[in-house]
């Protein structure tokens, strides 16, 4: 029988928890390492919707990218978030695990999925911690790579929109600019615009870009593309689910793994 501690060990072998940023909170958030798990759900967020889906599927564990608990709590009230999630998880016997910046920094983590979608040939990380650079599993935060051929930022945006299931794509800069050297960072990567400039990228792809970050890029001739936080990270869920399923199979342990179907982007566009 698979236990929560087994799942933690498997995740650690793929996206080591030591890769997590110092401010982050990864690992087991709610539950007992010794609890048994027959069914598991993978999702981006430990939301009410995802927890309800896990209950409907009969899951005993939910693995999410974003942590439920990032800062210390002074109280746990089940009539408001996040206490409502904690309470329902405990009552339902569901353990909650987060694989956040450790998954972002893993060589085959969140950014690797965007690399595959774009057909990029990586040339190096966008930002890296020197103490981890010799670790073969470490990829750093974001990366820089070369497209198979030169294209316009508008054409690349159109391709990404389709590949990401119709995601809302925003561009700042020259939409007809010819680009080949691309920097990217899944999730909230607006703070790495200067890193993309320093790397000599012609286009930077990320989520949650702010107005002044876009202006900074525009002034330096860097095209920036905001594909949304949700859309930039959702592609990792399938591979993560496949990995956990394969690890259980390789150890002759029974585990059903589901990828959330109820989870949607909190943002939508009004036409």
Protein backbone atom coordinates (compact mmCIF):
# COMPACT_ATOMS: atom_id res chain seq x y z
CA UNK A 1 0.00 0.00 0.00
CA UNK A 2 1.24 3.45 -0.92
CA UNK A 3 1.64 5.89 1.95
CA UNK A 4 1.92 9.69 1.95
CA UNK A 5 5.62 9.42 2.80
CA UNK A 6 6.17 7.36 -0.38
CA UNK A 7 4.60 10.09 -2.50
CA UNK A 8 6.80 12.69 -0.80
CA UNK A 9 9.87 10.57 -1.58
CA UNK A 10 8.87 10.15 -5.23
CA UNK A 11 8.32 13.88 -5.68
CA UNK A 12 11.67 14.54 -4.02
CA UNK A 13 13.40 12.26 -6.52
CA UNK A 14 11.97 14.24 -9.47
CA UNK A 15 11.86 17.77 -8.08
CA UNK A 16 13.99 17.74 -4.91
CA UNK A 17 12.54 19.81 -2.10
CA UNK A 18 16.00 21.30 -1.49
CA UNK A 19 15.47 23.27 -4.74
CA UNK A 20 12.66 25.27 -3.11
CA UNK A 21 13.16 28.96 -2.43
CA UNK A 22 13.81 29.95 1.20
CA UNK A 23 10.50 31.84 1.43
CA UNK A 24 8.48 28.90 0.10
CA UNK A 25 6.61 26.15 1.94
CA UNK A 26 6.73 22.83 0.09
CA UNK A 27 6.02 19.28 1.16
CA UNK A 28 3.26 17.88 3.36
CA UNK A 29 0.88 20.68 4.40
CA UNK A 30 -2.01 18.74 5.89
CA UNK A 31 -2.09 15.09 6.92
CA UNK A 32 0.04 12.27 8.24
CA UNK A 33 3.11 10.82 6.44
CA UNK A 34 1.97 7.36 7.45
CA UNK A 35 -1.53 7.62 5.97
CA UNK A 36 -2.45 5.15 3.24
CA UNK A 37 -3.21 6.38 -0.27
CA UNK A 38 -5.06 4.39 -2.92
CA UNK A 39 -6.21 7.33 -5.04
CA UNK A 40 -4.46 10.64 -5.66
CA UNK A 41 -5.42 13.87 -7.44
CA UNK A 42 -2.93 16.27 -9.05
CA UNK A 43 -3.91 19.95 -9.44
CA UNK A 44 -2.50 23.47 -9.46
CA UNK A 45 -4.35 24.86 -6.44
CA UNK A 46 -5.71 23.41 -3.17
CA UNK A 47 -9.07 25.07 -3.78
CA UNK A 48 -12.58 24.23 -2.64
CA UNK A 49 -13.36 22.99 -6.15
CA UNK A 50 -10.31 20.71 -6.26
CA UNK A 51 -10.98 19.32 -2.79
CA UNK A 52 -14.59 18.56 -3.76
CA UNK A 53 -13.31 16.77 -6.86
CA UNK A 54 -10.91 14.74 -4.72
CA UNK A 55 -13.78 13.73 -2.43
CA UNK A 56 -15.94 12.72 -5.39
CA UNK A 57 -13.09 10.57 -6.75
CA UNK A 58 -12.43 8.95 -3.38
CA UNK A 59 -8.88 10.32 -3.15
CA UNK A 60 -6.85 10.22 0.04
CA UNK A 61 -4.20 12.68 -1.18
CA UNK A 62 -4.02 15.82 -3.31
CA UNK A 63 -0.72 17.01 -4.77
CA UNK A 64 -0.80 20.63 -5.87
CA UNK A 65 1.75 22.99 -7.32
CA UNK A 66 0.74 25.96 -5.20
CA UNK A 67 0.87 25.60 -1.41
CA UNK A 68 -2.17 26.15 0.76
CA UNK A 69 -0.03 27.37 3.66
CA UNK A 70 2.69 29.85 2.77
CA UNK A 71 2.73 31.95 5.95
CA UNK A 72 2.21 30.96 9.62
CA UNK A 73 -1.40 30.93 10.80
CA UNK A 74 -2.53 32.53 14.06
CA UNK A 75 -5.76 30.54 14.06
CA UNK A 76 -7.57 27.89 12.04
CA UNK A 77 -11.18 28.86 11.46
CA UNK A 78 -13.15 26.46 9.35
CA UNK A 79 -15.67 29.15 8.38
CA UNK A 80 -13.11 30.96 6.20
CA UNK A 81 -10.19 30.18 3.91
CA UNK A 82 -7.68 28.55 4.39
CA UNK A 83 -9.10 26.94 7.52
CA UNK A 84 -12.11 25.74 5.52
CA UNK A 85 -9.77 23.74 3.26
CA UNK A 86 -7.78 22.37 6.20
CA UNK A 87 -10.95 21.33 8.03
CA UNK A 88 -12.52 19.61 5.06
CA UNK A 89 -9.26 17.85 4.20
CA UNK A 90 -8.91 16.49 7.74
CA UNK A 91 -12.55 15.43 7.98
CA UNK A 92 -12.34 13.75 4.56
CA UNK A 93 -9.04 12.02 5.35
CA UNK A 94 -7.22 13.82 2.52
CA UNK A 95 -3.55 14.73 2.84
CA UNK A 96 -2.34 17.86 1.03
CA UNK A 97 1.13 18.03 -0.52
CA UNK A 98 2.65 21.03 -2.31
CA UNK A 99 5.44 20.90 -4.90
CA UNK A 100 5.98 24.58 -5.66
CA UNK A 101 9.31 26.29 -6.39
CA UNK A 102 11.07 22.94 -6.18
CA UNK A 103 9.03 21.91 -9.23
CA UNK A 104 9.71 25.26 -10.90
CA UNK A 105 13.46 24.80 -10.47
CA UNK A 106 13.60 21.14 -11.47
CA UNK A 107 15.22 20.39 -14.84
CA UNK A 108 12.09 18.57 -16.00
CA UNK A 109 9.63 20.72 -14.06
CA UNK A 110 7.20 23.46 -15.04
CA UNK A 111 9.49 25.26 -17.49
CA UNK A 112 10.37 22.05 -19.31
CA UNK A 113 6.77 21.74 -20.49
CA UNK A 114 6.89 25.18 -22.13
CA UNK A 115 10.22 24.28 -23.72
CA UNK A 116 8.58 21.24 -25.30
CA UNK A 117 5.58 23.24 -26.53
CA UNK A 118 7.86 25.79 -28.20
CA UNK A 119 10.44 23.32 -29.47
CA UNK A 120 13.17 25.35 -27.77
CA UNK A 121 16.78 24.26 -27.53
CA UNK A 122 17.77 25.41 -24.01
CA UNK A 123 21.06 27.26 -23.62
CA UNK A 124 20.91 27.88 -19.86
CA UNK A 125 18.84 29.03 -16.88
CA UNK A 126 17.45 32.54 -16.55
CA UNK A 127 18.38 32.63 -12.88
CA UNK A 128 20.27 29.99 -10.93
CA UNK A 129 21.67 29.35 -7.45
CA UNK A 130 25.37 28.64 -7.75
CA UNK A 131 25.29 26.04 -4.97
CA UNK A 132 22.93 23.88 -7.05
CA UNK A 133 24.32 24.35 -10.55
CA UNK A 134 26.25 21.06 -10.51
CA UNK A 135 23.14 19.06 -9.63
CA UNK A 136 21.92 17.26 -12.79
CA UNK A 137 18.30 17.54 -11.64
CA UNK A 138 18.49 21.32 -11.19
CA UNK A 139 17.32 23.62 -13.97
CA UNK A 140 17.12 26.99 -12.26
CA UNK A 141 14.32 29.53 -12.36
CA UNK A 142 13.26 30.06 -15.94
CA UNK A 143 15.52 29.44 -18.90
CA UNK A 144 16.82 30.80 -22.16
CA UNK A 145 16.72 28.91 -25.44
CA UNK A 146 16.64 29.09 -29.21
CA UNK A 147 13.60 28.48 -31.37
CA UNK A 148 13.96 26.03 -34.28
CA UNK A 149 13.70 28.99 -36.66
CA UNK A 150 13.05 32.70 -36.68
CA UNK A 151 9.42 33.78 -36.35
CA UNK A 152 7.40 36.81 -35.32
CA UNK A 153 6.21 37.32 -31.77
CA UNK A 154 2.64 37.48 -33.06
CA UNK A 155 2.95 34.11 -34.81
CA UNK A 156 4.45 32.55 -31.70
CA UNK A 157 1.66 33.98 -29.57
CA UNK A 158 -0.94 32.47 -31.91
CA UNK A 159 0.72 29.04 -31.65
CA UNK A 160 0.90 29.24 -27.86
CA UNK A 161 -2.73 30.27 -27.62
CA UNK A 162 -3.75 27.09 -29.43
CA UNK A 163 -1.27 24.85 -27.56
CA UNK A 164 -2.46 26.17 -24.21
CA UNK A 165 -6.12 25.60 -24.95
CA UNK A 166 -7.15 29.10 -25.93
CA UNK A 167 -5.31 30.96 -23.17
CA UNK A 168 -5.49 34.74 -23.15
CA UNK A 169 -2.12 35.99 -24.46
CA UNK A 170 -1.02 39.59 -23.97
CA UNK A 171 1.98 41.12 -25.74
CA UNK A 172 3.94 44.29 -25.02
CA UNK A 173 6.34 45.44 -27.71
CA UNK A 174 6.65 44.96 -31.45
CA UNK A 175 4.31 42.10 -32.38
CA UNK A 176 5.95 41.77 -35.79
CA UNK A 177 9.49 41.62 -34.42
CA UNK A 178 11.48 38.64 -35.70
CA UNK A 179 12.57 36.52 -32.74
CA UNK A 180 14.65 33.41 -32.21
CA UNK A 181 16.30 33.75 -28.78
CA UNK A 182 13.59 33.33 -26.15
CA UNK A 183 13.57 33.52 -22.36
CA UNK A 184 10.72 32.04 -20.36
CA UNK A 185 9.56 31.48 -16.82
CA UNK A 186 6.32 29.76 -15.87
CA UNK A 187 4.12 31.36 -13.23
CA UNK A 188 4.82 34.86 -11.91
CA UNK A 189 8.01 35.78 -13.73
CA UNK A 190 7.59 39.52 -14.14
CA UNK A 191 10.44 40.16 -11.72
CA UNK A 192 12.88 38.45 -14.10
CA UNK A 193 12.49 40.91 -17.00
CA UNK A 194 15.94 42.36 -16.30
CA UNK A 195 17.41 38.84 -16.30
CA UNK A 196 15.86 38.26 -19.73
CA UNK A 197 17.39 41.52 -20.96
CA UNK A 198 20.80 40.57 -19.55
CA UNK A 199 20.58 37.20 -21.30
CA UNK A 200 20.09 38.92 -24.66
CA UNK A 201 16.64 37.47 -25.22
CA UNK A 202 14.49 38.94 -27.97
CA UNK A 203 11.26 37.70 -26.40
CA UNK A 204 10.33 36.88 -22.81
CA UNK A 205 7.36 34.61 -22.03
CA UNK A 206 5.86 34.40 -18.55
CA UNK A 207 2.71 35.10 -16.52
CA UNK A 208 1.49 37.93 -14.27
CA UNK A 209 3.39 40.72 -15.99
CA UNK A 210 2.80 44.13 -14.43
CA UNK A 211 2.47 47.45 -16.23
CA UNK A 212 5.86 48.86 -15.23
CA UNK A 213 7.62 45.61 -16.05
CA UNK A 214 6.11 45.77 -19.54
CA UNK A 215 7.24 49.39 -19.88
CA UNK A 216 10.77 48.47 -18.84
CA UNK A 217 10.91 45.75 -21.48
CA UNK A 218 9.41 48.06 -24.11
CA UNK A 219 12.08 50.71 -23.47
CA UNK A 220 14.81 48.14 -24.08
CA UNK A 221 13.26 46.62 -27.19
CA UNK A 222 12.37 43.34 -25.50
CA UNK A 223 9.02 41.84 -26.50
CA UNK A 224 7.22 40.39 -23.48
CA UNK A 225 4.38 37.91 -23.62
CA UNK A 226 2.03 37.27 -20.70
CA UNK A 227 0.35 33.89 -21.20
CA UNK A 228 -1.23 33.86 -17.72
CA UNK A 229 -0.16 32.17 -14.52
CA UNK A 230 -2.62 29.29 -14.80
CA UNK A 231 -1.94 28.51 -18.47
CA UNK A 232 1.83 28.65 -18.04
CA UNK A 233 1.83 26.03 -15.28
CA UNK A 234 -1.08 23.74 -16.12
CA UNK A 235 0.95 21.70 -18.68
CA UNK A 236 3.08 20.21 -15.88
CA UNK A 237 0.12 18.42 -14.28
CA UNK A 238 -0.08 15.61 -16.82
CA UNK A 239 3.64 14.72 -16.64
CA UNK A 240 3.57 14.94 -12.83
CA UNK A 241 0.60 12.58 -12.71
CA UNK A 242 2.29 10.19 -15.16
CA UNK A 243 5.46 10.22 -13.07
CA UNK A 244 3.68 9.37 -9.82
CA UNK A 245 1.70 6.64 -11.55
CA UNK A 246 4.85 5.11 -13.06
CA UNK A 247 6.73 5.19 -9.75
CA UNK A 248 3.95 3.28 -8.05
CA UNK A 249 3.91 0.74 -10.88
CA UNK A 250 7.70 0.34 -10.81
CA UNK A 251 7.50 -0.56 -7.13
CA UNK A 252 4.52 -2.89 -7.67
CA UNK A 253 2.28 -0.64 -5.57
CA UNK A 254 -1.33 0.10 -6.42
CA UNK A 255 -2.15 3.78 -6.91
CA UNK A 256 -4.76 5.45 -9.07
CA UNK A 257 -3.68 8.93 -10.15
CA UNK A 258 -6.06 11.55 -11.53
CA UNK A 259 -5.36 14.98 -13.00
CA UNK A 260 -7.93 17.61 -12.07
CA UNK A 261 -10.67 18.21 -14.63
CA UNK A 262 -12.64 20.69 -12.53
CA UNK A 263 -9.91 23.29 -12.20
CA UNK A 264 -10.14 26.36 -14.44
CA UNK A 265 -8.32 29.66 -14.82
CA UNK A 266 -9.79 32.18 -12.34
CA UNK A 267 -9.54 34.82 -15.07
CA UNK A 268 -11.68 34.99 -18.19
CA UNK A 269 -11.94 37.57 -20.97
CA UNK A 270 -15.11 39.48 -21.76
CA UNK A 271 -15.70 39.95 -25.48
